[in-house]
Each structure stands twice: as C-alpha cells, then as structure tokens.
Amino acid sequence: MRGCPTGGRDDARPGNRRRRPNRMKVPAWLEIAWLTTGYVGGIVGTGIAVRLMLEAIGPHPAVAEAVYATIVNAAGLGGFIAFLFLLSRVEFLGRGYQVGFRQGRAYYEERNPSGERRDLAFDWLPLREGYRPRGVVRLSPLDTWDLDAPVWARGRRDEIAGRITNDLSSYEGWPALLMPDTPAVDSTADANATRTLIRAVLERWPEWAPYVHSGVEAVRSDSVLLSVPPPEHPSHRLEVVQRAEAFEIGYQCGKSGLRASTSFRSAANDRAAAVFCVCEFIRELREGEMVVLVRPLPLLNRWGRQDGARYSAEFRSVSRSVRYSRRYVYEWHGEQM
C-alpha cells in the first residue's frame, strides 16, 4: 500500500477525508429496524399492487397472465437484489465494520461511535483466479503504521489486519495471508526481479538448486526459471516461468496440453509482493493446501478443441473440511529430494 504523506494536516490523509458532519445520528438498531420494515413493506406493497392491477385488467386471462409473469419475474429479481443489499447493510451495522471492493481497490470501512463512516484502502493480491480465491493482504509496515494510517486507525494495526484477513477468507475456508513487513529476501538488494525470485525460492527450498534453469542469468523473456519434478510424479514438472513482466507458475501433468497455471506480475514497484506471492503459492502446493485438479472437459468444449484434449487442469485450494476425489487430484508430497 502506498504510504501517505507524513506532513500536513491529518484530514488530508487517505481514509481520513473531511466529510460533512452528520446532523442526525441514528442508532444502528433503529436503522436496522427501518431497513427491515422497508423491505417487508416493499414486498407487501408489490403484492397488493399486482392484485389491484390484475383486477383492473378484467376478464382478459391471456393479458393478465402475461402481466402477472412479467411483474413476478421483475419483482423477484428486484427483491433478491434488495435482500443482498439489506443483508450487507445489516451486517455492517451490526458488526460496525466491513471489507469490500470499490473501483478495483480493496478497502476497510467502519463506523465511529457517532455513526460516521471512515475507510482505509489496502492492497489485496489473489493467489489464483476464481470465486473468492485465497489472497495476500498488504498493509503499511508496523514501524510506519502510525505515520501512514489515518488518526482513527493508529495503534490498531493488529485488530484491523485480523478483521481484514478473516473477512477475505477463501471459499474453501482459508483466511487471507498478511504479507510480512520484512520480506524473506530483500527485493531491493538486487535490481533484477528474476534473480530476486530465484534467491528467495532457493533460500526456502535449497534442495531445488539442481533444477534452476541454466539460462536464468541471461534474464530472457519467456524463459523457464525452475523445473522441478514432484516426488510422487517424476514425469510431471512444476515450473516457474518468466513471461515479460510476470512470473507464471505452471504444473505439467505429464500429457501434452494438460497444464495448470497462474501468474503474478513482477513490476519494479511491486517486486516484493510478486516474490512473496510466488513463494507462498509454492509453499501451499508443497504442504497440500493447494492441489492440481484434473477434470474431464464438457462434451461441447471437446468439440471446439483442435488438439483433441479431453481433460483440463487447474490449481485449486483444498477445503478445510472436504477433500477432493483423489481420482482427479495431483498432490505434492513435501518429501526432501
């Protein structure tokens, strides 16, 4: 997260913007009651309106049926959207805080004792694609938190970090990861992101040194940096590939075209985050928190493929309570090689 200026007035800091004071402070329980009453009243009012409209149409069953179907479908969709809004709002009012996304940026928002909203932006880096993926949260370092954060958040980094990582839990139940203030490898010590990544990986797993690609020092675009065979599947390969300004992690399943992959950008101003995400992804794979799920392609997708592929592979977080069928899962056993 970009640091805020340390000089100037506190109300100029991000997340602590000056707002018009609320002249009427409504207690949370009263606002919840109003919202719930409004929602129920809207449903009842819609039902009464439909009844009156159908009576006004008179003896025209075809027209009445068309009007009824249109109104019911529109009201059902509107009611569902309104319910989601009500649920989110009630949760926010009840807990006093929420974590969300706005204009492509993650933010933490809470209500102060007087009911006024205040928010704090932070960086969120997903470790894979898909619905509610596990990700990495980056906040200002602990030693500069009280300078970078707005006044209301000072001294509360651990509390806010705990709320954010818990709320951004993945679909499988894994909480988000808080990026450490001090990376395992100092990314500023080397101007080359590729050498920084290789150094970080080998410091964690020195047994992988024989699998470093010999052309790493050349820093070629679209080059394989690591190619490691899993202990239980020697014909397979876990690869770390450099593609322009991104690092791609791929798992070759031993068959042509059957490959799971994900990528992380390695822009110069975000090198530490990219290196941490790659290392964390590999750690999850080695420890069994991430697997490679192989599934048959739907019949229509097979017809559209010219390579004759019948299966697809993807990285998938393992649920804390439910394991995937081993028939279509490749797991990495963390044995020392």
Protein backbone atom coordinates (compact mmCIF):
# COMPACT_ATOMS: atom_id res chain seq x y z
CA MET A 1 0.00 0.00 0.00
CA ARG A 2 1.36 3.39 -0.94
CA GLY A 3 2.38 5.39 2.08
CA CYS A 4 0.57 8.58 2.91
CA PRO A 5 2.39 11.90 3.24
CA THR A 6 3.74 12.41 6.72
CA GLY A 7 3.36 16.14 6.66
CA GLY A 8 0.30 18.34 6.61
CA ARG A 9 -2.99 18.03 8.39
CA ASP A 10 -4.40 14.66 9.39
CA ASP A 11 -7.64 15.23 7.49
CA ALA A 12 -5.67 15.26 4.23
CA ARG A 13 -4.63 11.63 4.63
CA PRO A 14 -6.34 8.90 2.55
CA GLY A 15 -9.05 7.16 4.53
CA ASN A 16 -9.50 10.22 6.73
CA ARG A 17 -11.02 12.62 4.23
CA ARG A 18 -13.02 15.54 5.55
CA ARG A 19 -16.74 14.86 5.44
CA ARG A 20 -19.77 16.87 6.28
CA PRO A 21 -20.75 16.14 9.87
CA ASN A 22 -23.87 14.02 10.25
CA ARG A 23 -26.50 16.21 11.82
CA MET A 24 -28.70 13.27 12.70
CA LYS A 25 -27.09 10.21 14.26
CA VAL A 26 -29.35 7.18 14.00
CA PRO A 27 -28.63 4.22 16.34
CA ALA A 28 -27.64 1.05 14.50
CA TRP A 29 -30.54 -0.98 15.88
CA LEU A 30 -33.05 1.66 14.77
CA GLU A 31 -31.59 1.80 11.24
CA ILE A 32 -31.73 -1.99 11.02
CA ALA A 33 -35.39 -1.90 12.06
CA TRP A 34 -36.17 0.75 9.43
CA LEU A 35 -34.41 -1.19 6.68
CA THR A 36 -36.15 -4.45 7.57
CA THR A 37 -39.54 -2.76 7.78
CA GLY A 38 -38.96 -1.08 4.43
CA TYR A 39 -38.01 -4.38 2.79
CA VAL A 40 -41.04 -6.24 4.16
CA GLY A 41 -43.27 -3.29 3.29
CA GLY A 42 -41.93 -3.31 -0.28
CA ILE A 43 -42.84 -6.99 -0.68
CA VAL A 44 -46.34 -6.47 0.73
CA GLY A 45 -46.87 -3.35 -1.37
CA THR A 46 -45.79 -5.16 -4.54
CA GLY A 47 -48.25 -7.97 -3.83
CA ILE A 48 -51.11 -5.53 -3.27
CA ALA A 49 -50.22 -3.62 -6.45
CA VAL A 50 -50.21 -6.82 -8.52
CA ARG A 51 -53.58 -7.81 -7.11
CA LEU A 52 -55.15 -4.44 -7.92
CA MET A 53 -53.64 -4.41 -11.40
CA LEU A 54 -54.98 -7.86 -12.25
CA GLU A 55 -58.45 -6.89 -11.02
CA ALA A 56 -58.32 -3.76 -13.18
CA ILE A 57 -57.49 -5.79 -16.31
CA GLY A 58 -60.75 -7.66 -16.03
CA PRO A 59 -61.77 -10.79 -17.95
CA HIS A 60 -58.70 -10.99 -20.20
CA PRO A 61 -56.83 -14.07 -18.97
CA ALA A 62 -54.09 -14.01 -21.61
CA VAL A 63 -53.22 -10.39 -20.86
CA ALA A 64 -53.48 -10.96 -17.11
CA GLU A 65 -51.18 -13.97 -17.31
CA ALA A 66 -48.54 -12.04 -19.30
CA VAL A 67 -48.69 -9.07 -16.91
CA TYR A 68 -48.52 -11.36 -13.89
CA ALA A 69 -45.47 -13.26 -15.20
CA THR A 70 -43.65 -10.02 -16.08
CA ILE A 71 -44.28 -8.40 -12.71
CA VAL A 72 -43.43 -11.52 -10.72
CA ASN A 73 -40.10 -12.01 -12.53
CA ALA A 74 -39.15 -8.34 -12.24
CA ALA A 75 -40.22 -8.17 -8.59
CA GLY A 76 -38.36 -11.40 -7.79
CA LEU A 77 -35.12 -10.10 -9.27
CA GLY A 78 -35.54 -6.72 -7.58
CA GLY A 79 -36.39 -8.36 -4.28
CA PHE A 80 -33.30 -10.57 -4.44
CA ILE A 81 -31.03 -7.60 -5.14
CA ALA A 82 -32.69 -5.64 -2.35
CA PHE A 83 -32.23 -8.59 0.01
CA LEU A 84 -28.50 -8.75 -0.74
CA PHE A 85 -28.21 -5.02 -0.07
CA LEU A 86 -30.20 -5.38 3.14
CA LEU A 87 -28.07 -8.32 4.30
CA SER A 88 -24.83 -6.43 3.63
CA ARG A 89 -26.10 -3.29 5.31
CA VAL A 90 -27.42 -5.10 8.39
CA GLU A 91 -24.12 -6.97 8.75
CA PHE A 92 -22.21 -3.70 8.55
CA LEU A 93 -24.45 -2.01 11.09
CA GLY A 94 -24.36 -4.98 13.43
CA ARG A 95 -20.59 -5.53 13.37
CA GLY A 96 -19.61 -1.90 12.92
CA TYR A 97 -17.16 -2.64 10.07
CA GLN A 98 -16.92 -4.27 6.64
CA VAL A 99 -14.34 -5.17 4.00
CA GLY A 100 -15.15 -4.61 0.34
CA PHE A 101 -14.00 -3.53 -3.09
CA ARG A 102 -14.68 -0.26 -4.86
CA GLN A 103 -13.38 0.79 -8.28
CA GLY A 104 -10.90 -2.07 -8.32
CA ARG A 105 -9.42 -1.23 -4.90
CA ALA A 106 -9.89 -3.03 -1.59
CA TYR A 107 -10.90 -1.03 1.46
CA TYR A 108 -11.70 -1.50 5.15
CA GLU A 109 -14.62 0.59 6.40
CA GLU A 110 -16.06 1.08 9.86
CA ARG A 111 -18.40 3.33 11.83
CA ASN A 112 -17.15 5.52 14.63
CA PRO A 113 -19.14 5.83 17.90
CA SER A 114 -21.20 8.68 16.41
CA GLY A 115 -22.16 6.60 13.34
CA GLU A 116 -19.92 8.35 10.80
CA ARG A 117 -18.18 6.19 8.18
CA ARG A 118 -14.41 6.10 7.77
CA ASP A 119 -12.35 3.91 5.45
CA LEU A 120 -8.82 2.69 4.83
CA ALA A 121 -7.54 1.40 1.46
CA PHE A 122 -5.16 -1.56 1.29
CA ASP A 123 -3.63 -3.91 -1.29
CA TRP A 124 -5.15 -7.33 -1.94
CA LEU A 125 -3.34 -9.81 -4.21
CA PRO A 126 -5.26 -13.00 -5.16
CA LEU A 127 -3.18 -16.18 -5.42
CA ARG A 128 -5.39 -17.68 -8.13
CA GLU A 129 -8.43 -16.90 -10.22
CA GLY A 130 -11.97 -17.91 -9.42
CA TYR A 131 -14.69 -17.20 -6.88
CA ARG A 132 -13.38 -15.98 -3.50
CA PRO A 133 -9.76 -17.09 -4.02
CA ARG A 134 -7.18 -17.11 -1.26
CA GLY A 135 -5.10 -13.95 -1.36
CA VAL A 136 -2.42 -11.83 0.24
CA VAL A 137 -3.15 -8.61 2.14
CA ARG A 138 -0.53 -5.88 2.30
CA LEU A 139 -0.71 -3.07 4.85
CA SER A 140 1.70 -0.33 5.80
CA PRO A 141 4.62 -1.72 7.86
CA LEU A 142 4.22 -1.79 11.61
CA ASP A 143 7.03 0.70 12.22
CA THR A 144 5.41 3.32 9.93
CA TRP A 145 1.76 2.46 10.56
CA ASP A 146 1.14 5.36 12.94
CA LEU A 147 2.54 7.78 10.34
CA ASP A 148 0.81 6.34 7.26
CA ALA A 149 -2.57 5.40 8.73
CA PRO A 150 -5.37 7.87 9.48
CA VAL A 151 -5.71 9.04 13.08
CA TRP A 152 -8.56 6.69 13.96
CA ALA A 153 -6.56 3.60 12.84
CA ARG A 154 -3.35 4.35 14.72
CA GLY A 155 -2.40 1.76 17.30
CA ARG A 156 -4.96 -0.70 15.85
CA ARG A 157 -2.98 -2.44 13.11
CA ASP A 158 -3.29 -5.95 14.55
CA GLU A 159 -7.03 -5.53 15.11
CA ILE A 160 -7.69 -4.20 11.62
CA ALA A 161 -5.39 -6.77 9.99
CA GLY A 162 -7.21 -9.58 11.79
CA ARG A 163 -10.60 -8.34 10.62
CA ILE A 164 -9.44 -7.97 7.00
CA THR A 165 -7.78 -11.39 6.73
CA ASN A 166 -10.78 -13.07 8.34
CA ASP A 167 -13.33 -11.35 6.09
CA LEU A 168 -11.32 -12.15 2.95
CA SER A 169 -11.27 -15.87 3.69
CA SER A 170 -11.35 -18.04 0.60
CA TYR A 171 -14.33 -20.10 -0.49
CA GLU A 172 -12.54 -23.16 0.91
CA GLY A 173 -12.19 -21.60 4.37
CA TRP A 174 -8.56 -20.40 4.32
CA PRO A 175 -8.04 -16.89 5.72
CA ALA A 176 -6.18 -14.31 3.68
CA LEU A 177 -2.45 -14.02 4.34
CA LEU A 178 -0.88 -10.89 5.76
CA MET A 179 2.29 -10.03 3.88
CA PRO A 180 5.18 -9.66 6.36
CA ASP A 181 6.74 -6.25 6.78
CA THR A 182 10.22 -7.62 6.06
CA PRO A 183 10.32 -9.95 3.03
CA ALA A 184 12.21 -13.23 3.34
CA VAL A 185 14.58 -11.88 0.69
CA ASP A 186 15.37 -8.18 0.35
CA SER A 187 13.99 -7.36 -3.11
CA THR A 188 15.77 -4.01 -3.13
CA ALA A 189 19.20 -5.62 -2.88
CA ASP A 190 19.05 -6.77 -6.50
CA ALA A 191 17.81 -4.68 -9.39
CA ASN A 192 16.74 -7.85 -11.25
CA ALA A 193 13.40 -9.35 -10.19
CA THR A 194 14.28 -12.74 -11.66
CA ARG A 195 17.42 -13.20 -9.55
CA THR A 196 15.48 -11.93 -6.53
CA LEU A 197 12.83 -14.60 -7.03
CA ILE A 198 15.34 -17.40 -7.58
CA ARG A 199 17.26 -16.38 -4.47
CA ALA A 200 14.04 -16.34 -2.41
CA VAL A 201 12.95 -19.77 -3.63
CA LEU A 202 16.33 -21.38 -3.01
CA GLU A 203 16.62 -19.90 0.47
CA ARG A 204 13.34 -21.62 1.36
CA TRP A 205 14.00 -24.86 -0.54
CA PRO A 206 17.75 -25.30 -1.14
CA GLU A 207 17.17 -28.87 -2.42
CA TRP A 208 15.77 -27.29 -5.60
CA ALA A 209 19.14 -25.84 -6.63
CA PRO A 210 19.77 -28.59 -9.25
CA TYR A 211 16.54 -27.62 -11.02
CA VAL A 212 17.36 -23.96 -11.62
CA HIS A 213 17.44 -23.24 -15.34
CA SER A 214 20.95 -22.56 -16.62
CA GLY A 215 19.78 -19.52 -18.57
CA VAL A 216 18.44 -17.60 -15.57
CA GLU A 217 21.32 -15.14 -15.53
CA ALA A 218 20.56 -14.17 -19.11
CA VAL A 219 17.16 -12.95 -17.89
CA ARG A 220 15.43 -13.91 -21.12
CA SER A 221 11.76 -13.15 -21.59
CA ASP A 222 9.52 -16.22 -21.71
CA SER A 223 12.16 -18.45 -20.09
CA VAL A 224 11.87 -21.31 -17.60
CA LEU A 225 13.48 -20.41 -14.27
CA LEU A 226 12.73 -23.62 -12.37
CA SER A 227 11.60 -27.07 -13.50
CA VAL A 228 11.13 -29.39 -10.51
CA PRO A 229 9.76 -32.97 -10.69
CA PRO A 230 7.30 -33.84 -7.89
CA PRO A 231 8.42 -36.78 -5.72
CA GLU A 232 5.31 -38.88 -6.45
CA HIS A 233 5.05 -37.97 -10.17
CA PRO A 234 8.57 -37.88 -11.67
CA SER A 235 7.22 -37.40 -15.20
CA HIS A 236 5.42 -34.22 -14.15
CA ARG A 237 7.00 -30.79 -13.76
CA LEU A 238 6.40 -27.80 -11.53
CA GLU A 239 7.70 -24.83 -13.50
CA VAL A 240 8.30 -21.19 -12.72
CA VAL A 241 8.38 -19.25 -15.98
CA GLN A 242 9.21 -15.64 -16.71
CA ARG A 243 6.86 -14.05 -19.22
CA ALA A 244 7.64 -10.37 -19.82
CA GLU A 245 6.81 -8.61 -16.52
CA ALA A 246 5.12 -11.60 -14.89
CA PHE A 247 6.11 -14.84 -13.18
CA GLU A 248 3.98 -17.81 -14.16
CA ILE A 249 3.67 -20.97 -12.08
CA GLY A 250 2.74 -23.99 -14.15
CA TYR A 251 2.19 -27.66 -13.39
CA GLN A 252 2.71 -30.01 -16.34
CA CYS A 253 0.62 -33.12 -15.74
CA GLY A 254 2.67 -35.42 -17.99
CA LYS A 255 0.40 -35.10 -21.03
CA SER A 256 0.59 -32.61 -23.86
CA GLY A 257 -1.67 -29.59 -23.21
CA LEU A 258 -2.65 -30.73 -19.71
CA ARG A 259 -1.25 -27.89 -17.63
CA ALA A 260 -2.46 -25.78 -14.70
CA SER A 261 -1.08 -22.25 -14.42
CA THR A 262 -1.35 -18.95 -12.60
CA SER A 263 0.75 -15.78 -12.83
CA PHE A 264 1.94 -12.82 -10.75
CA ARG A 265 3.19 -9.51 -12.09
CA SER A 266 6.73 -8.52 -11.20
CA ALA A 267 6.61 -4.79 -11.86
CA ALA A 268 9.57 -2.92 -10.42
CA ASN A 269 7.43 -1.07 -7.88
CA ASP A 270 5.76 -4.30 -6.72
CA ARG A 271 8.63 -6.79 -6.78
CA ALA A 272 8.44 -7.76 -3.12
CA ALA A 273 4.74 -8.63 -3.43
CA ALA A 274 5.29 -10.73 -6.57
CA VAL A 275 8.17 -12.66 -4.97
CA PHE A 276 6.18 -13.27 -1.78
CA CYS A 277 3.11 -14.45 -3.73
CA VAL A 278 5.14 -16.92 -5.81
CA CYS A 279 6.87 -18.35 -2.72
CA GLU A 280 3.59 -18.56 -0.80
CA PHE A 281 1.85 -20.30 -3.69
CA ILE A 282 4.65 -22.88 -3.90
CA ARG A 283 4.52 -23.39 -0.12
CA GLU A 284 0.78 -24.09 -0.26
CA LEU A 285 1.31 -26.59 -3.05
CA ARG A 286 4.09 -28.39 -1.18
CA GLU A 287 2.11 -28.51 2.07
CA GLY A 288 -1.10 -29.77 0.48
CA GLU A 289 -3.17 -26.62 0.86
CA MET A 290 -3.19 -26.30 -2.94
CA VAL A 291 -3.65 -29.17 -5.39
CA VAL A 292 -3.91 -29.65 -9.14
CA LEU A 293 -7.45 -30.67 -10.02
CA VAL A 294 -7.89 -32.58 -13.29
CA ARG A 295 -11.42 -32.86 -14.66
CA PRO A 296 -12.99 -34.11 -17.90
CA LEU A 297 -13.87 -31.34 -20.33
CA PRO A 298 -17.57 -30.89 -21.14
CA LEU A 299 -18.55 -32.51 -24.43
CA LEU A 300 -19.17 -29.18 -26.18
CA ASN A 301 -15.73 -27.92 -25.15
CA ARG A 302 -14.09 -31.05 -26.54
CA TRP A 303 -15.65 -30.43 -29.95
CA GLY A 304 -14.18 -26.92 -30.03
CA ARG A 305 -10.62 -28.12 -29.28
CA GLN A 306 -8.36 -28.93 -32.21
CA ASP A 307 -5.76 -30.68 -30.05
CA GLY A 308 -8.17 -33.44 -29.03
CA ALA A 309 -7.83 -32.65 -25.30
CA ARG A 310 -10.33 -34.44 -23.09
CA TYR A 311 -9.25 -33.08 -19.69
CA SER A 312 -8.44 -29.70 -18.14
CA ALA A 313 -6.16 -28.94 -15.20
CA GLU A 314 -6.36 -26.10 -12.70
CA PHE A 315 -4.93 -25.13 -9.33
CA ARG A 316 -7.48 -25.41 -6.56
CA SER A 317 -7.30 -24.67 -2.83
CA VAL A 318 -8.20 -27.69 -0.69
CA SER A 319 -11.18 -27.22 1.58
CA ARG A 320 -10.50 -27.45 5.29
CA SER A 321 -13.40 -29.87 5.72
CA VAL A 322 -13.88 -31.61 2.34
CA ARG A 323 -11.18 -33.31 0.27
CA TYR A 324 -11.44 -33.65 -3.49
CA SER A 325 -11.61 -37.10 -5.01
CA ARG A 326 -8.07 -38.45 -5.39
CA ARG A 327 -9.03 -39.81 -8.80
CA TYR A 328 -8.55 -36.40 -10.38
CA VAL A 329 -6.17 -34.69 -7.92
CA TYR A 330 -2.42 -34.38 -8.07
CA GLU A 331 -0.92 -33.58 -4.70
CA TRP A 332 2.64 -32.62 -3.92
CA HIS A 333 4.09 -34.66 -1.08
CA GLY A 334 6.65 -32.45 0.63
CA GLU A 335 9.41 -35.00 0.77
CA GLN A 336 13.00 -33.89 0.74
CA MET A 337 14.69 -34.77 -2.56
